[in-house]
Protein backbone atom coordinates (compact mmCIF):
# COMPACT_ATOMS: atom_id res chain seq x y z
CA UNK A 1 0.00 0.00 0.00
CA UNK A 2 2.80 2.36 0.92
CA UNK A 3 4.49 1.61 -2.35
CA UNK A 4 1.31 2.51 -4.26
CA UNK A 5 1.04 5.84 -2.42
CA UNK A 6 4.66 6.67 -3.17
CA UNK A 7 4.14 5.83 -6.83
CA UNK A 8 1.04 8.02 -7.00
CA UNK A 9 2.93 10.96 -5.41
CA UNK A 10 5.83 10.50 -7.82
CA UNK A 11 3.52 10.44 -10.82
CA UNK A 12 1.77 13.61 -9.57
CA UNK A 13 5.09 15.37 -9.09
CA UNK A 14 6.24 14.36 -12.55
CA UNK A 15 2.99 15.64 -14.11
CA UNK A 16 3.16 18.91 -12.13
CA UNK A 17 6.79 19.42 -13.09
CA UNK A 18 6.02 18.73 -16.72
CA UNK A 19 3.15 21.18 -16.71
CA UNK A 20 5.30 23.85 -15.02
CA UNK A 21 8.10 23.25 -17.50
CA UNK A 22 5.66 23.46 -20.41
CA UNK A 23 4.16 26.68 -19.03
CA UNK A 24 7.63 28.16 -18.65
CA UNK A 25 8.56 27.20 -22.18
CA UNK A 26 5.32 28.70 -23.52
CA UNK A 27 5.77 31.90 -21.49
CA UNK A 28 9.35 32.22 -22.68
CA UNK A 29 8.25 31.67 -26.25
CA UNK A 30 5.50 34.31 -25.89
CA UNK A 31 7.98 36.80 -24.43
CA UNK A 32 10.44 36.12 -27.20
CA UNK A 33 7.71 36.51 -29.81
CA UNK A 34 6.54 39.81 -28.28
CA UNK A 35 10.10 41.13 -28.11
CA UNK A 36 10.68 40.12 -31.72
CA UNK A 37 7.40 41.79 -32.74
CA UNK A 38 8.43 45.00 -30.95
CA UNK A 39 11.83 44.88 -32.64
CA UNK A 40 10.21 44.42 -36.06
CA UNK A 41 7.79 47.28 -35.34
CA UNK A 42 10.63 49.57 -34.24
CA UNK A 43 12.70 48.68 -37.28
CA UNK A 44 9.68 49.40 -39.47
CA UNK A 45 9.15 52.75 -37.77
CA UNK A 46 12.81 53.64 -38.29
CA UNK A 47 12.65 52.69 -41.97
CA UNK A 48 9.59 54.89 -42.42
CA UNK A 49 11.07 57.87 -40.52
CA UNK A 50 12.92 60.61 -42.38
CA UNK A 51 13.39 64.27 -41.52
CA UNK A 52 15.23 67.02 -43.38
CA UNK A 53 16.34 70.32 -41.92
CA UNK A 54 15.31 72.61 -44.77
CA UNK A 55 16.67 75.88 -43.43
CA UNK A 56 18.30 77.34 -40.33
CA UNK A 57 18.30 81.12 -39.87
CA UNK A 58 19.80 83.35 -37.22
CA UNK A 59 17.07 85.95 -36.66
CA UNK A 60 18.89 89.23 -36.10
CA UNK A 61 15.64 90.96 -35.06
CA UNK A 62 15.16 88.61 -32.08
CA UNK A 63 18.52 86.84 -31.52
CA UNK A 64 16.85 83.47 -32.00
CA UNK A 65 17.75 80.57 -34.27
CA UNK A 66 14.80 79.44 -36.40
CA UNK A 67 14.94 75.97 -37.96
CA UNK A 68 12.45 74.55 -40.46
CA UNK A 69 12.24 70.73 -40.41
CA UNK A 70 10.37 68.71 -43.03
CA UNK A 71 8.85 65.32 -42.22
CA UNK A 72 9.58 63.65 -45.55
CA UNK A 73 9.05 60.14 -44.23
CA UNK A 74 5.92 58.05 -43.71
CA UNK A 75 5.81 58.09 -39.90
CA UNK A 76 4.13 60.69 -37.71
CA UNK A 77 6.45 62.20 -35.13
CA UNK A 78 5.86 63.48 -31.62
CA UNK A 79 7.49 63.18 -28.19
CA UNK A 80 9.40 66.39 -28.85
CA UNK A 81 10.70 66.40 -25.28
CA UNK A 82 12.70 63.32 -26.27
CA UNK A 83 14.32 65.00 -29.29
CA UNK A 84 17.94 66.08 -29.08
CA UNK A 85 19.29 69.33 -30.51
CA UNK A 86 23.01 70.10 -30.36
CA UNK A 87 24.52 73.36 -31.65
CA UNK A 88 28.23 73.79 -32.30
CA UNK A 89 29.18 77.46 -32.56
CA UNK A 90 31.64 80.22 -31.70
CA UNK A 91 30.87 83.27 -29.59
CA UNK A 92 32.10 86.82 -30.06
CA UNK A 93 35.25 86.14 -28.06
CA UNK A 94 36.29 83.12 -30.12
CA UNK A 95 35.23 80.48 -27.55
CA UNK A 96 33.80 77.30 -29.09
CA UNK A 97 30.62 75.76 -27.65
CA UNK A 98 28.85 72.45 -28.24
CA UNK A 99 25.54 72.92 -26.46
CA UNK A 100 22.76 70.37 -25.97
CA UNK A 101 19.45 72.21 -25.85
CA UNK A 102 16.52 70.85 -23.81
CA UNK A 103 12.93 71.16 -25.01
CA UNK A 104 10.51 73.63 -23.44
CA UNK A 105 6.80 74.16 -24.00
CA UNK A 106 6.92 77.93 -23.63
CA UNK A 107 9.14 80.70 -24.91
CA UNK A 108 12.68 79.29 -24.92
CA UNK A 109 15.03 80.54 -22.25
CA UNK A 110 18.79 80.43 -22.57
CA UNK A 111 20.07 77.32 -24.34
CA UNK A 112 16.65 75.79 -24.88
CA UNK A 113 14.28 75.21 -27.82
CA UNK A 114 10.56 75.11 -28.44
CA UNK A 115 8.14 73.74 -31.03
CA UNK A 116 6.93 77.10 -32.32
CA UNK A 117 4.42 75.64 -34.78
CA UNK A 118 3.67 72.83 -37.17
CA UNK A 119 2.43 73.84 -40.60
CA UNK A 120 1.55 72.48 -44.02
CA UNK A 121 2.23 74.62 -47.08
CA UNK A 122 2.75 77.68 -44.92
CA UNK A 123 -0.55 77.22 -43.07
CA UNK A 124 -0.94 76.12 -39.42
CA UNK A 125 -1.70 72.41 -39.06
CA UNK A 126 -5.28 71.26 -38.61
CA UNK A 127 -4.93 67.46 -38.75
CA UNK A 128 -3.80 65.80 -35.51
CA UNK A 129 -2.52 68.97 -33.78
CA UNK A 130 0.73 68.46 -31.93
CA UNK A 131 1.97 65.69 -34.22
CA UNK A 132 4.36 66.19 -37.12
CA UNK A 133 2.64 64.23 -39.86
CA UNK A 134 4.25 63.34 -43.20
CA UNK A 135 4.69 66.38 -45.49
CA UNK A 136 4.23 68.80 -42.57
CA UNK A 137 6.95 71.17 -41.42
CA UNK A 138 8.07 71.85 -37.86
CA UNK A 139 9.28 75.34 -36.95
CA UNK A 140 11.83 75.29 -34.13
CA UNK A 141 12.94 78.37 -32.18
CA UNK A 142 16.12 78.14 -30.11
CA UNK A 143 17.94 80.64 -27.91
CA UNK A 144 21.69 80.46 -27.39
CA UNK A 145 23.68 82.03 -24.56
CA UNK A 146 26.24 83.33 -25.21
CA UNK A 147 25.15 84.47 -28.64
CA UNK A 148 27.01 83.39 -31.77
CA UNK A 149 29.69 85.90 -32.72
CA UNK A 150 29.39 88.25 -35.68
CA UNK A 151 30.67 86.86 -38.99
CA UNK A 152 30.63 83.26 -37.78
CA UNK A 153 28.97 80.03 -38.87
CA UNK A 154 27.41 77.31 -36.74
CA UNK A 155 26.28 73.70 -37.09
CA UNK A 156 23.03 72.30 -35.70
CA UNK A 157 22.13 68.61 -35.39
CA UNK A 158 18.67 67.39 -34.47
CA UNK A 159 17.68 63.83 -33.57
CA UNK A 160 14.11 62.58 -33.29
CA UNK A 161 12.84 60.49 -30.38
CA UNK A 162 13.47 57.29 -32.37
CA UNK A 163 17.02 58.17 -33.35
CA UNK A 164 16.77 59.67 -36.86
CA UNK A 165 19.11 62.66 -37.35
CA UNK A 166 19.86 65.49 -39.74
CA UNK A 167 22.29 68.41 -39.63
CA UNK A 168 22.38 71.92 -41.07
CA UNK A 169 24.59 75.00 -40.88
CA UNK A 170 23.66 78.64 -40.40
CA UNK A 171 25.44 81.99 -40.56
CA UNK A 172 25.54 84.95 -38.20
CA UNK A 173 26.82 87.80 -40.41
CA UNK A 174 26.39 90.47 -37.74
CA UNK A 175 23.67 92.39 -39.59
CA UNK A 176 20.26 91.72 -41.14
CA UNK A 177 20.60 90.14 -44.58
CA UNK A 178 17.49 88.96 -46.45
CA UNK A 179 17.65 87.05 -49.75
CA UNK A 180 14.79 86.07 -52.09
CA UNK A 181 14.75 82.36 -52.88
CA UNK A 182 12.94 80.37 -55.53
CA UNK A 183 11.19 78.11 -52.98
CA UNK A 184 7.48 78.65 -52.52
CA UNK A 185 5.18 79.49 -49.63
CA UNK A 186 1.48 78.76 -50.19
CA UNK A 187 -1.23 80.78 -48.48
CA UNK A 188 -4.89 80.01 -49.22
CA UNK A 189 -3.87 78.49 -52.54
CA UNK A 190 -1.72 81.43 -53.65
CA UNK A 191 1.98 80.89 -54.31
CA UNK A 192 4.68 83.27 -53.10
CA UNK A 193 8.46 83.32 -53.24
CA UNK A 194 10.36 82.86 -49.98
CA UNK A 195 12.61 85.41 -48.28
CA UNK A 196 15.34 83.90 -46.07
CA UNK A 197 17.71 85.48 -43.58
CA UNK A 198 21.51 85.09 -43.75
CA UNK A 199 21.18 82.52 -46.51
CA UNK A 200 22.87 83.21 -49.85
CA UNK A 201 21.34 82.04 -53.12
CA UNK A 202 21.30 78.25 -53.17
CA UNK A 203 19.15 77.21 -56.11
CA UNK A 204 18.64 77.55 -59.83
CA UNK A 205 18.30 81.13 -60.98
CA UNK A 206 14.80 82.47 -61.54
CA UNK A 207 14.18 85.46 -63.79
CA UNK A 208 11.27 87.65 -62.77
CA UNK A 209 10.01 90.01 -65.44
CA UNK A 210 7.46 92.71 -66.16
CA UNK A 211 4.91 92.61 -68.92
CA UNK A 212 6.10 94.46 -72.02
CA UNK A 213 6.32 98.23 -71.99
CA UNK A 214 5.10 99.71 -75.26
CA UNK A 215 6.95 102.56 -76.96
CA UNK A 216 6.81 105.69 -74.79
CA UNK A 217 4.70 103.92 -72.16
CA UNK A 218 4.91 105.40 -68.67
CA UNK A 219 3.79 102.83 -66.10
CA UNK A 220 4.62 100.82 -62.96
CA UNK A 221 4.36 97.04 -63.35
CA UNK A 222 4.76 94.15 -60.93
CA UNK A 223 7.31 91.49 -61.85
CA UNK A 224 6.53 87.75 -62.08
CA UNK A 225 8.27 84.45 -62.78
CA UNK A 226 8.87 84.40 -66.54
CA UNK A 227 8.16 80.64 -66.55
CA UNK A 228 5.10 80.85 -64.31
CA UNK A 229 3.14 84.04 -64.82
CA UNK A 230 0.76 83.33 -61.91
CA UNK A 231 3.69 83.53 -59.46
CA UNK A 232 4.23 87.25 -58.99
CA UNK A 233 7.29 88.77 -57.34
CA UNK A 234 5.76 88.76 -53.88
CA UNK A 235 8.42 87.55 -51.47
CA UNK A 236 7.42 86.46 -47.95
CA UNK A 237 9.46 86.36 -44.75
CA UNK A 238 7.79 84.52 -41.82
CA UNK A 239 7.64 86.59 -38.65
CA UNK A 240 7.52 83.56 -36.36
CA UNK A 241 9.83 84.33 -33.44
CA UNK A 242 9.94 88.09 -34.10
CA UNK A 243 8.11 90.68 -31.99
CA UNK A 244 9.58 93.88 -33.43
CA UNK A 245 11.24 94.97 -36.67
CA UNK A 246 13.49 97.87 -35.68
CA UNK A 247 13.84 101.19 -37.46
CA UNK A 248 16.80 100.70 -39.79
CA UNK A 249 18.21 101.81 -43.11
CA UNK A 250 17.39 99.18 -45.70
CA UNK A 251 19.66 98.88 -48.71
CA UNK A 252 17.94 96.97 -51.52
CA UNK A 253 20.18 95.37 -54.16
CA UNK A 254 18.66 94.48 -57.53
CA UNK A 255 20.41 92.16 -59.99
CA UNK A 256 18.59 93.58 -62.98
CA UNK A 257 18.45 94.57 -66.63
CA UNK A 258 16.19 95.86 -69.35
CA UNK A 259 15.58 93.61 -72.35
CA UNK A 260 13.95 93.83 -75.76
CA UNK A 261 14.24 97.37 -77.08
CA UNK A 262 17.94 98.26 -77.32
CA UNK A 263 17.06 101.88 -76.48
CA UNK A 264 15.50 101.09 -73.11
CA UNK A 265 16.05 103.28 -71.18
CA UNK A 266 16.41 105.94 -73.82
CA UNK A 267 17.00 108.73 -71.28
CA UNK A 268 18.68 108.74 -67.88
CA UNK A 269 16.42 109.11 -64.84
CA UNK A 270 13.59 107.15 -66.42
CA UNK A 271 13.74 103.39 -65.73
CA UNK A 272 13.86 102.21 -62.10
CA UNK A 273 13.21 99.17 -59.93
CA UNK A 274 11.45 99.61 -56.58
CA UNK A 275 9.52 97.77 -53.88
CA UNK A 276 6.41 97.81 -51.75
CA UNK A 277 6.58 96.60 -48.13
CA UNK A 278 3.52 94.93 -46.58
CA UNK A 279 2.46 92.76 -43.67
CA UNK A 280 0.34 89.81 -44.80
CA UNK A 281 -1.76 87.70 -42.45
CA UNK A 282 -1.64 83.90 -42.41
CA UNK A 283 -5.13 83.85 -43.96
CA UNK A 284 -3.83 85.69 -47.03
CA UNK A 285 -5.31 89.12 -46.29
CA UNK A 286 -3.17 92.23 -45.91
CA UNK A 287 -2.79 93.52 -42.37
CA UNK A 288 -1.05 96.77 -43.29
CA UNK A 289 0.98 98.48 -45.99
CA UNK A 290 4.18 99.92 -44.57
CA UNK A 291 5.56 101.58 -47.71
CA UNK A 292 4.86 101.83 -51.45
CA UNK A 293 7.21 102.61 -54.31
CA UNK A 294 10.39 102.98 -52.25
CA UNK A 295 14.10 102.12 -52.76
CA UNK A 296 14.11 103.38 -56.38
CA UNK A 297 17.22 102.18 -58.25
CA UNK A 298 17.68 103.77 -61.70
CA UNK A 299 19.35 102.35 -64.79
CA UNK A 300 21.35 104.54 -67.17
CA UNK A 301 21.35 104.58 -70.96
CA UNK A 302 24.74 102.87 -71.00
CA UNK A 303 23.36 99.94 -68.96
CA UNK A 304 20.57 99.07 -71.41
CA UNK A 305 20.35 95.31 -72.05
CA UNK A 306 23.12 94.42 -69.55
CA UNK A 307 22.85 92.56 -66.25
CA UNK A 308 23.99 94.96 -63.53
CA UNK A 309 23.61 95.20 -59.75
CA UNK A 310 21.94 98.42 -58.65
CA UNK A 311 21.05 99.55 -55.13
CA UNK A 312 18.87 102.07 -53.33
CA UNK A 313 18.02 102.78 -49.70
CA UNK A 314 14.86 103.19 -47.65
CA UNK A 315 14.53 104.42 -44.05
CA UNK A 316 12.35 101.68 -42.55
CA UNK A 317 10.31 103.27 -39.74
CA UNK A 318 10.06 100.21 -37.48
CA UNK A 319 7.11 97.88 -36.92
CA UNK A 320 5.66 96.07 -33.90
CA UNK A 321 4.49 92.60 -34.87
CA UNK A 322 0.79 92.09 -34.14
CA UNK A 323 0.77 88.33 -34.72
CA UNK A 324 3.91 86.29 -35.33
CA UNK A 325 2.01 84.05 -37.73
CA UNK A 326 2.06 87.05 -40.12
CA UNK A 327 4.57 87.55 -42.93
CA UNK A 328 6.72 90.47 -44.00
CA UNK A 329 6.10 90.86 -47.74
CA UNK A 330 8.39 92.51 -50.27
CA UNK A 331 6.96 93.17 -53.76
CA UNK A 332 9.24 93.99 -56.72
CA UNK A 333 8.19 96.45 -59.43
CA UNK A 334 9.63 97.95 -62.58
CA UNK A 335 8.72 101.53 -63.52
CA UNK A 336 9.16 104.10 -66.26
CA UNK A 337 8.84 107.68 -65.06
CA UNK A 338 9.10 109.70 -68.25
CA UNK A 339 9.09 108.04 -71.64
CA UNK A 340 9.46 104.25 -71.59
CA UNK A 341 11.31 102.41 -74.38
CA UNK A 342 12.02 104.28 -77.56
CA UNK A 343 10.47 101.75 -79.91
CA UNK A 344 9.12 98.91 -77.73
CA UNK A 345 8.43 96.37 -76.62
CA UNK A 346 10.77 96.56 -73.63
CA UNK A 347 10.94 94.45 -70.49
CA UNK A 348 12.39 94.99 -67.02
CA UNK A 349 13.86 91.93 -65.29
CA UNK A 350 15.45 90.86 -62.00
CA UNK A 351 17.25 87.59 -61.34
CA UNK A 352 16.93 85.85 -57.94
CA UNK A 353 18.44 82.76 -56.30
CA UNK A 354 21.37 82.60 -58.74
CA UNK A 355 24.07 80.70 -56.84
CA UNK A 356 26.63 81.39 -59.58
CA UNK A 357 26.77 85.06 -58.55
CA UNK A 358 29.00 86.50 -55.87
CA UNK A 359 26.98 87.55 -52.82
CA UNK A 360 27.76 91.18 -53.64
CA UNK A 361 25.86 90.76 -56.94
CA UNK A 362 22.85 88.84 -55.59
CA UNK A 363 19.39 90.37 -55.24
CA UNK A 364 19.01 90.99 -51.51
CA UNK A 365 18.19 93.43 -48.70
CA UNK A 366 20.73 94.49 -46.08
CA UNK A 367 19.65 96.42 -42.98
CA UNK A 368 21.83 98.50 -40.71
CA UNK A 369 21.14 100.79 -37.73
């Protein structure tokens, strides 16, 4: 009898041990499968993640660095507090810094950055607010202390929460320097050129032109892309991160020429290029016109038909930004004051974003106190 009891206990122990071992094996297999599934999911997320730093600008009107980041992958991005931003730069005394910047929800303090906005085609996001979806752009504002030194360059590297990185450089020339670029900003379906700070021409040249001036025609005409007539020479500079535009002397440089009639201009003091200065709201309407027909740069008879760089100044009165989602808008015009071309037709043209030109010959605006 005792032997039977012992046998029964042994059998029970064997069965219990086998079941425990089987359960352990199954649990281990489940854990391994879940870990493998997570690894596959993470690898898939990484393969679908791609970001490009499109532009980094040192904003001289606010002493902030503004970075535009494009989500050109297939994965929505968030967890911005887990992103890393490192800036390598030199201060005014020649000291080199490599600063890691933490994320902040509010206005960035010293050596910090914020998600200023997420937008699509120049418009604030409306789909899944707070997430950087594919094709959307993230605007980053960062504050450095000490500030980058005048006439220096810096490198910025950003890394997303899942480890995808991109790097970009920016300049701090020591003054305000605005350059029209061929890239587009879209507002309510309308296409505008882009104005960038401290960024020389970096694309294929675009010629913007007036409609033809008839013989002896006296008129002022807006310029437009000669290959896309619906894209007029309205150049936008986002005011995100800027609260005031100071009173300064603006020097406007035009890389320009007349074309068509060889006698255009046919008298000195007739043909000139000039600008309007506006503030445009994010909904496409105009908030205010600051100046019209200013910074007149005249061509001479001897310059007819030749590409030249002309300049003129304007005393900008200063402007307090009402809403930093607005844009500063510069509009380029060509004008005849007295007689127009001798025979006609004649055209007035400006070239922008021509990276083959020396900076001194590029169409641009420089501002000084």
